[in-house]
C-alpha cells in the first residue's frame, strides 16, 4: 500500500487498518492507496444527521471498486453474533481491509475479538 494519504489510518495487522469516521469522498482515496475492502462498524445516525449514511458510503465504495460491508456495532458492547460475523468477513473479504467507526476504537476491539475465535 502507498503510505501517502490524508486518511487517519492506524494499522492493526499486516493487511488491516482502522480509521475514524470516513466519508463517501474517502472511498476513492482508500482504493487509490491500495485497499480492496471497507467495513463500516458504525450504526447509521449514531451521532445525528451530519454523519454520512452507510448507503452513501457504500455507493461511493462500489464506484471506487471496493468491496463494502456494514456491520454496525454499539460502542460499548459487541455481541457474540457480531464478533462471529466480523470473523466471517475477515475470511471472505479481499485484503488490504479498512475498518472504521467513530474513532477507530470499536473496530479495533471487534477485530481483536474476531481473530480470537
N, C-alpha and C. Protein backbone atom coordinates (compact mmCIF):
# COMPACT_ATOMS: atom_id res chain seq x y z
N UNK A 1 0.84 -1.19 0.00
CA UNK A 1 0.00 0.00 0.00
C UNK A 1 0.88 1.24 0.00
N UNK A 2 0.40 2.28 -0.65
CA UNK A 2 1.08 3.57 -0.60
C UNK A 2 0.86 4.16 0.79
N UNK A 3 1.84 4.89 1.26
CA UNK A 3 1.70 5.43 2.61
C UNK A 3 1.23 6.87 2.61
N UNK A 4 1.33 7.57 1.49
CA UNK A 4 0.94 8.98 1.48
C UNK A 4 -0.57 9.11 1.34
N UNK A 5 -1.20 9.60 2.40
CA UNK A 5 -2.65 9.71 2.40
C UNK A 5 -3.09 10.76 3.39
N UNK A 6 -4.27 11.31 3.19
CA UNK A 6 -4.84 12.23 4.16
C UNK A 6 -5.74 11.50 5.15
N UNK A 7 -5.97 10.19 4.92
CA UNK A 7 -6.81 9.41 5.83
C UNK A 7 -6.04 9.13 7.12
N UNK A 8 -6.74 9.17 8.26
CA UNK A 8 -6.12 8.90 9.56
C UNK A 8 -6.13 7.40 9.82
N UNK A 9 -5.18 6.69 9.24
CA UNK A 9 -5.16 5.23 9.32
C UNK A 9 -4.29 4.75 10.46
N UNK A 10 -4.72 3.67 11.11
CA UNK A 10 -3.90 3.02 12.12
C UNK A 10 -3.83 1.53 11.79
N UNK A 11 -2.63 1.03 11.44
CA UNK A 11 -2.52 -0.41 11.15
C UNK A 11 -2.73 -1.22 12.42
N UNK A 12 -3.54 -2.29 12.33
CA UNK A 12 -3.72 -3.18 13.48
C UNK A 12 -3.29 -4.61 13.12
N UNK A 13 -2.96 -4.84 11.86
CA UNK A 13 -2.44 -6.13 11.40
C UNK A 13 -1.73 -5.85 10.07
N UNK A 14 -1.09 -6.87 9.51
CA UNK A 14 -0.33 -6.66 8.28
C UNK A 14 -1.16 -6.05 7.16
N UNK A 15 -2.40 -6.51 7.02
CA UNK A 15 -3.21 -6.06 5.89
C UNK A 15 -4.52 -5.43 6.34
N UNK A 16 -4.56 -4.97 7.60
CA UNK A 16 -5.80 -4.39 8.13
C UNK A 16 -5.49 -3.08 8.85
N UNK A 17 -6.25 -2.04 8.51
CA UNK A 17 -6.14 -0.75 9.19
C UNK A 17 -7.50 -0.35 9.72
N UNK A 18 -7.49 0.49 10.76
CA UNK A 18 -8.73 1.09 11.24
C UNK A 18 -8.61 2.60 11.07
N UNK A 19 -9.77 3.25 11.04
CA UNK A 19 -9.82 4.70 10.86
C UNK A 19 -11.03 5.24 11.60
N UNK A 20 -10.98 6.54 11.96
CA UNK A 20 -12.20 7.18 12.44
C UNK A 20 -13.18 7.36 11.29
N UNK A 21 -14.35 7.90 11.58
CA UNK A 21 -15.43 8.06 10.59
C UNK A 21 -14.90 8.45 9.21
N UNK A 22 -15.28 7.69 8.21
CA UNK A 22 -14.91 8.00 6.83
C UNK A 22 -16.13 8.57 6.10
N UNK A 23 -15.85 9.36 5.08
CA UNK A 23 -16.90 9.97 4.27
C UNK A 23 -16.99 9.21 2.94
N UNK A 24 -18.08 9.42 2.22
CA UNK A 24 -18.13 8.83 0.87
C UNK A 24 -16.93 9.25 0.03
N UNK A 25 -16.50 10.50 0.20
CA UNK A 25 -15.37 11.02 -0.59
C UNK A 25 -14.07 10.28 -0.29
N UNK A 26 -13.96 9.69 0.89
CA UNK A 26 -12.73 8.98 1.27
C UNK A 26 -12.58 7.65 0.56
N UNK A 27 -13.65 7.12 -0.03
CA UNK A 27 -13.59 5.79 -0.64
C UNK A 27 -12.64 5.75 -1.83
N UNK A 28 -12.65 6.79 -2.66
CA UNK A 28 -11.75 6.81 -3.82
C UNK A 28 -10.30 6.82 -3.36
N UNK A 29 -10.02 7.57 -2.30
CA UNK A 29 -8.65 7.60 -1.79
C UNK A 29 -8.25 6.26 -1.19
N UNK A 30 -9.17 5.62 -0.47
CA UNK A 30 -8.87 4.30 0.10
C UNK A 30 -8.50 3.32 -1.02
N UNK A 31 -9.25 3.36 -2.11
CA UNK A 31 -8.96 2.48 -3.24
C UNK A 31 -7.61 2.85 -3.88
N UNK A 32 -7.36 4.14 -4.00
CA UNK A 32 -6.13 4.61 -4.65
C UNK A 32 -4.89 4.14 -3.90
N UNK A 33 -4.96 4.11 -2.57
CA UNK A 33 -3.78 3.71 -1.80
C UNK A 33 -3.69 2.20 -1.59
N UNK A 34 -4.64 1.46 -2.14
CA UNK A 34 -4.46 0.01 -2.20
C UNK A 34 -5.44 -0.84 -1.44
N UNK A 35 -6.41 -0.23 -0.74
CA UNK A 35 -7.40 -1.06 -0.04
C UNK A 35 -8.31 -1.76 -1.04
N UNK A 36 -8.76 -2.96 -0.66
CA UNK A 36 -9.67 -3.74 -1.50
C UNK A 36 -11.08 -3.78 -0.90
N UNK A 37 -11.18 -3.61 0.43
CA UNK A 37 -12.46 -3.74 1.12
C UNK A 37 -12.57 -2.72 2.26
N UNK A 38 -13.82 -2.37 2.55
CA UNK A 38 -14.12 -1.46 3.66
C UNK A 38 -15.26 -2.06 4.48
N UNK A 39 -15.09 -2.03 5.81
CA UNK A 39 -16.16 -2.44 6.73
C UNK A 39 -16.50 -1.26 7.62
N UNK A 40 -17.76 -0.87 7.60
CA UNK A 40 -18.28 0.22 8.43
C UNK A 40 -18.91 -0.40 9.68
N UNK A 41 -18.33 -0.11 10.85
CA UNK A 41 -18.84 -0.67 12.11
C UNK A 41 -19.71 0.32 12.88
N UNK A 42 -20.09 1.42 12.25
CA UNK A 42 -20.85 2.44 12.95
C UNK A 42 -22.32 2.41 12.55
N UNK A 43 -23.23 2.37 13.54
CA UNK A 43 -24.65 2.43 13.19
C UNK A 43 -24.99 3.76 12.53
N UNK A 44 -25.90 3.73 11.56
CA UNK A 44 -26.37 4.98 10.94
C UNK A 44 -27.00 5.88 12.00
N UNK A 45 -26.78 7.17 11.83
CA UNK A 45 -27.41 8.22 12.66
C UNK A 45 -27.03 8.14 14.14
N UNK A 46 -25.91 7.49 14.42
CA UNK A 46 -25.46 7.40 15.81
C UNK A 46 -25.18 8.79 16.38
N UNK A 47 -24.68 9.66 15.53
CA UNK A 47 -24.27 10.99 16.01
C UNK A 47 -25.10 12.09 15.37
N UNK A 48 -26.26 11.73 14.85
CA UNK A 48 -27.11 12.74 14.26
C UNK A 48 -27.00 12.80 12.75
N UNK A 49 -27.72 13.74 12.15
CA UNK A 49 -27.86 13.78 10.68
C UNK A 49 -26.59 14.18 9.93
N UNK A 50 -25.58 14.68 10.62
CA UNK A 50 -24.34 15.08 9.92
C UNK A 50 -23.49 13.88 9.51
N UNK A 51 -23.72 12.76 10.16
CA UNK A 51 -22.94 11.56 9.87
C UNK A 51 -23.38 10.98 8.52
N UNK A 52 -22.42 10.69 7.63
CA UNK A 52 -22.85 10.09 6.34
C UNK A 52 -23.47 8.71 6.55
N UNK A 53 -24.48 8.39 5.74
CA UNK A 53 -25.15 7.10 5.88
C UNK A 53 -24.32 5.98 5.25
N UNK A 54 -24.58 4.78 5.72
CA UNK A 54 -23.92 3.61 5.15
C UNK A 54 -24.21 3.51 3.65
N UNK A 55 -25.45 3.81 3.26
CA UNK A 55 -25.82 3.70 1.84
C UNK A 55 -24.98 4.65 0.98
N UNK A 56 -24.75 5.87 1.47
CA UNK A 56 -23.95 6.83 0.70
C UNK A 56 -22.50 6.37 0.60
N UNK A 57 -21.97 5.84 1.70
CA UNK A 57 -20.58 5.36 1.70
C UNK A 57 -20.47 4.12 0.81
N UNK A 58 -21.47 3.25 0.89
CA UNK A 58 -21.45 2.03 0.07
C UNK A 58 -21.45 2.36 -1.41
N UNK A 59 -22.27 3.32 -1.82
CA UNK A 59 -22.32 3.70 -3.24
C UNK A 59 -20.96 4.22 -3.70
N UNK A 60 -20.32 5.03 -2.87
CA UNK A 60 -19.00 5.57 -3.22
C UNK A 60 -17.95 4.46 -3.24
N UNK A 61 -18.04 3.54 -2.29
CA UNK A 61 -17.08 2.43 -2.24
C UNK A 61 -17.19 1.57 -3.49
N UNK A 62 -18.43 1.25 -3.87
CA UNK A 62 -18.63 0.42 -5.07
C UNK A 62 -18.14 1.15 -6.32
N UNK A 63 -18.40 2.46 -6.38
CA UNK A 63 -17.94 3.24 -7.53
C UNK A 63 -16.41 3.23 -7.62
N UNK A 64 -15.74 3.13 -6.46
CA UNK A 64 -14.28 3.10 -6.43
C UNK A 64 -13.73 1.69 -6.60
N UNK A 65 -14.62 0.71 -6.75
CA UNK A 65 -14.16 -0.66 -6.97
C UNK A 65 -13.88 -1.42 -5.70
N UNK A 66 -14.37 -0.93 -4.57
CA UNK A 66 -14.14 -1.58 -3.29
C UNK A 66 -15.30 -2.51 -2.91
N UNK A 67 -14.98 -3.59 -2.20
CA UNK A 67 -16.00 -4.38 -1.52
C UNK A 67 -16.41 -3.57 -0.29
N UNK A 68 -17.70 -3.62 0.08
CA UNK A 68 -18.17 -2.84 1.22
C UNK A 68 -19.15 -3.68 2.04
N UNK A 69 -18.98 -3.62 3.36
CA UNK A 69 -19.94 -4.26 4.26
C UNK A 69 -20.26 -3.32 5.40
N UNK A 70 -21.52 -3.34 5.84
CA UNK A 70 -21.95 -2.56 7.01
C UNK A 70 -22.24 -3.56 8.13
N UNK A 71 -21.41 -3.52 9.17
CA UNK A 71 -21.61 -4.36 10.35
C UNK A 71 -21.64 -3.43 11.56
N UNK A 72 -22.81 -2.79 11.80
CA UNK A 72 -22.87 -1.81 12.88
C UNK A 72 -22.82 -2.48 14.25
N UNK A 73 -21.98 -1.93 15.12
CA UNK A 73 -21.90 -2.43 16.49
C UNK A 73 -21.94 -1.25 17.45
N UNK A 74 -22.43 -1.51 18.65
CA UNK A 74 -22.51 -0.49 19.68
C UNK A 74 -21.10 -0.16 20.20
N UNK A 75 -20.93 1.08 20.64
CA UNK A 75 -19.62 1.49 21.14
C UNK A 75 -19.16 0.70 22.35
N UNK A 76 -20.09 0.35 23.24
CA UNK A 76 -19.69 -0.29 24.48
C UNK A 76 -19.77 -1.81 24.48
N UNK A 77 -20.40 -2.40 23.46
CA UNK A 77 -20.63 -3.85 23.52
C UNK A 77 -20.72 -4.41 22.11
N UNK A 78 -19.96 -5.49 21.89
CA UNK A 78 -20.09 -6.25 20.65
C UNK A 78 -20.58 -7.64 21.01
N UNK A 79 -21.71 -8.05 20.42
CA UNK A 79 -22.31 -9.34 20.76
C UNK A 79 -21.51 -10.49 20.15
N UNK A 80 -21.66 -11.69 20.69
CA UNK A 80 -21.01 -12.86 20.09
C UNK A 80 -21.40 -13.01 18.61
N UNK A 81 -22.65 -12.69 18.28
CA UNK A 81 -23.08 -12.80 16.87
C UNK A 81 -22.34 -11.80 15.99
N UNK A 82 -22.16 -10.58 16.49
CA UNK A 82 -21.44 -9.56 15.72
C UNK A 82 -19.96 -9.94 15.57
N UNK A 83 -19.39 -10.47 16.62
CA UNK A 83 -17.98 -10.90 16.56
C UNK A 83 -17.82 -12.03 15.54
N UNK A 84 -18.75 -12.99 15.56
CA UNK A 84 -18.71 -14.10 14.60
C UNK A 84 -18.90 -13.58 13.18
N UNK A 85 -19.77 -12.59 13.00
CA UNK A 85 -19.98 -12.01 11.67
C UNK A 85 -18.70 -11.32 11.18
N UNK A 86 -17.98 -10.64 12.08
CA UNK A 86 -16.73 -10.00 11.69
C UNK A 86 -15.69 -11.04 11.32
N UNK A 87 -15.65 -12.13 12.06
CA UNK A 87 -14.71 -13.20 11.73
C UNK A 87 -14.99 -13.75 10.33
N UNK A 88 -16.28 -13.89 9.99
CA UNK A 88 -16.64 -14.35 8.63
C UNK A 88 -16.17 -13.35 7.58
N UNK A 89 -16.38 -12.06 7.86
CA UNK A 89 -15.95 -11.03 6.90
C UNK A 89 -14.44 -11.06 6.70
N UNK A 90 -13.70 -11.28 7.78
CA UNK A 90 -12.24 -11.35 7.66
C UNK A 90 -11.84 -12.51 6.74
N UNK A 91 -12.65 -13.57 6.74
CA UNK A 91 -12.34 -14.70 5.89
C UNK A 91 -12.74 -14.52 4.45
N UNK A 92 -13.75 -13.68 4.20
CA UNK A 92 -14.29 -13.62 2.83
C UNK A 92 -13.91 -12.37 2.06
N UNK A 93 -13.61 -11.26 2.75
CA UNK A 93 -13.31 -10.02 2.04
C UNK A 93 -11.86 -9.97 1.59
N UNK A 94 -11.61 -9.46 0.38
CA UNK A 94 -10.22 -9.30 -0.05
C UNK A 94 -9.52 -8.24 0.80
N UNK A 95 -8.25 -8.48 1.05
CA UNK A 95 -7.45 -7.53 1.83
C UNK A 95 -6.42 -6.90 0.91
N UNK A 96 -5.88 -5.74 1.24
CA UNK A 96 -6.00 -4.99 2.48
C UNK A 96 -7.42 -4.49 2.76
N UNK A 97 -7.75 -4.50 4.05
CA UNK A 97 -9.08 -4.17 4.55
C UNK A 97 -9.00 -2.94 5.44
N UNK A 98 -9.96 -2.04 5.25
CA UNK A 98 -10.07 -0.83 6.07
C UNK A 98 -11.36 -0.90 6.86
N UNK A 99 -11.26 -0.84 8.19
CA UNK A 99 -12.43 -0.85 9.07
C UNK A 99 -12.56 0.53 9.71
N UNK A 100 -13.80 0.98 9.90
CA UNK A 100 -13.93 2.27 10.59
C UNK A 100 -15.18 2.32 11.46
N UNK A 101 -15.14 3.26 12.42
CA UNK A 101 -16.27 3.57 13.30
C UNK A 101 -16.15 5.06 13.63
N UNK A 102 -16.57 5.49 14.80
CA UNK A 102 -16.46 6.91 15.12
C UNK A 102 -15.00 7.32 15.32
N UNK A 103 -14.26 6.51 16.11
CA UNK A 103 -12.88 6.85 16.43
C UNK A 103 -11.88 5.81 15.94
N UNK A 104 -12.35 4.62 15.62
CA UNK A 104 -11.47 3.50 15.28
C UNK A 104 -11.37 2.49 16.41
N UNK A 105 -11.78 2.88 17.63
CA UNK A 105 -11.60 2.01 18.80
C UNK A 105 -12.50 0.77 18.74
N UNK A 106 -13.77 0.94 18.38
CA UNK A 106 -14.64 -0.25 18.41
C UNK A 106 -14.30 -1.18 17.25
N UNK A 107 -13.85 -0.66 16.11
CA UNK A 107 -13.39 -1.53 15.02
C UNK A 107 -12.20 -2.35 15.48
N UNK A 108 -11.29 -1.73 16.22
CA UNK A 108 -10.11 -2.44 16.73
C UNK A 108 -10.53 -3.55 17.68
N UNK A 109 -11.44 -3.24 18.61
CA UNK A 109 -11.90 -4.25 19.57
C UNK A 109 -12.61 -5.40 18.85
N UNK A 110 -13.44 -5.05 17.88
CA UNK A 110 -14.18 -6.06 17.14
C UNK A 110 -13.22 -7.00 16.41
N UNK A 111 -12.19 -6.43 15.79
CA UNK A 111 -11.18 -7.23 15.09
C UNK A 111 -10.47 -8.16 16.07
N UNK A 112 -10.07 -7.61 17.22
CA UNK A 112 -9.33 -8.42 18.21
C UNK A 112 -10.18 -9.58 18.71
N UNK A 113 -11.47 -9.33 18.95
CA UNK A 113 -12.38 -10.41 19.38
C UNK A 113 -12.54 -11.45 18.26
N UNK A 114 -12.66 -10.97 17.03
CA UNK A 114 -12.92 -11.86 15.89
C UNK A 114 -11.75 -12.80 15.64
N UNK A 115 -10.51 -12.30 15.75
CA UNK A 115 -9.36 -13.17 15.48
C UNK A 115 -9.11 -14.13 16.63
N UNK A 116 -9.73 -13.86 17.81
CA UNK A 116 -9.54 -14.73 18.96
C UNK A 116 -10.50 -15.92 18.93
N UNK A 117 -11.45 -15.92 18.00
CA UNK A 117 -12.43 -17.03 17.94
C UNK A 117 -11.76 -18.34 17.54
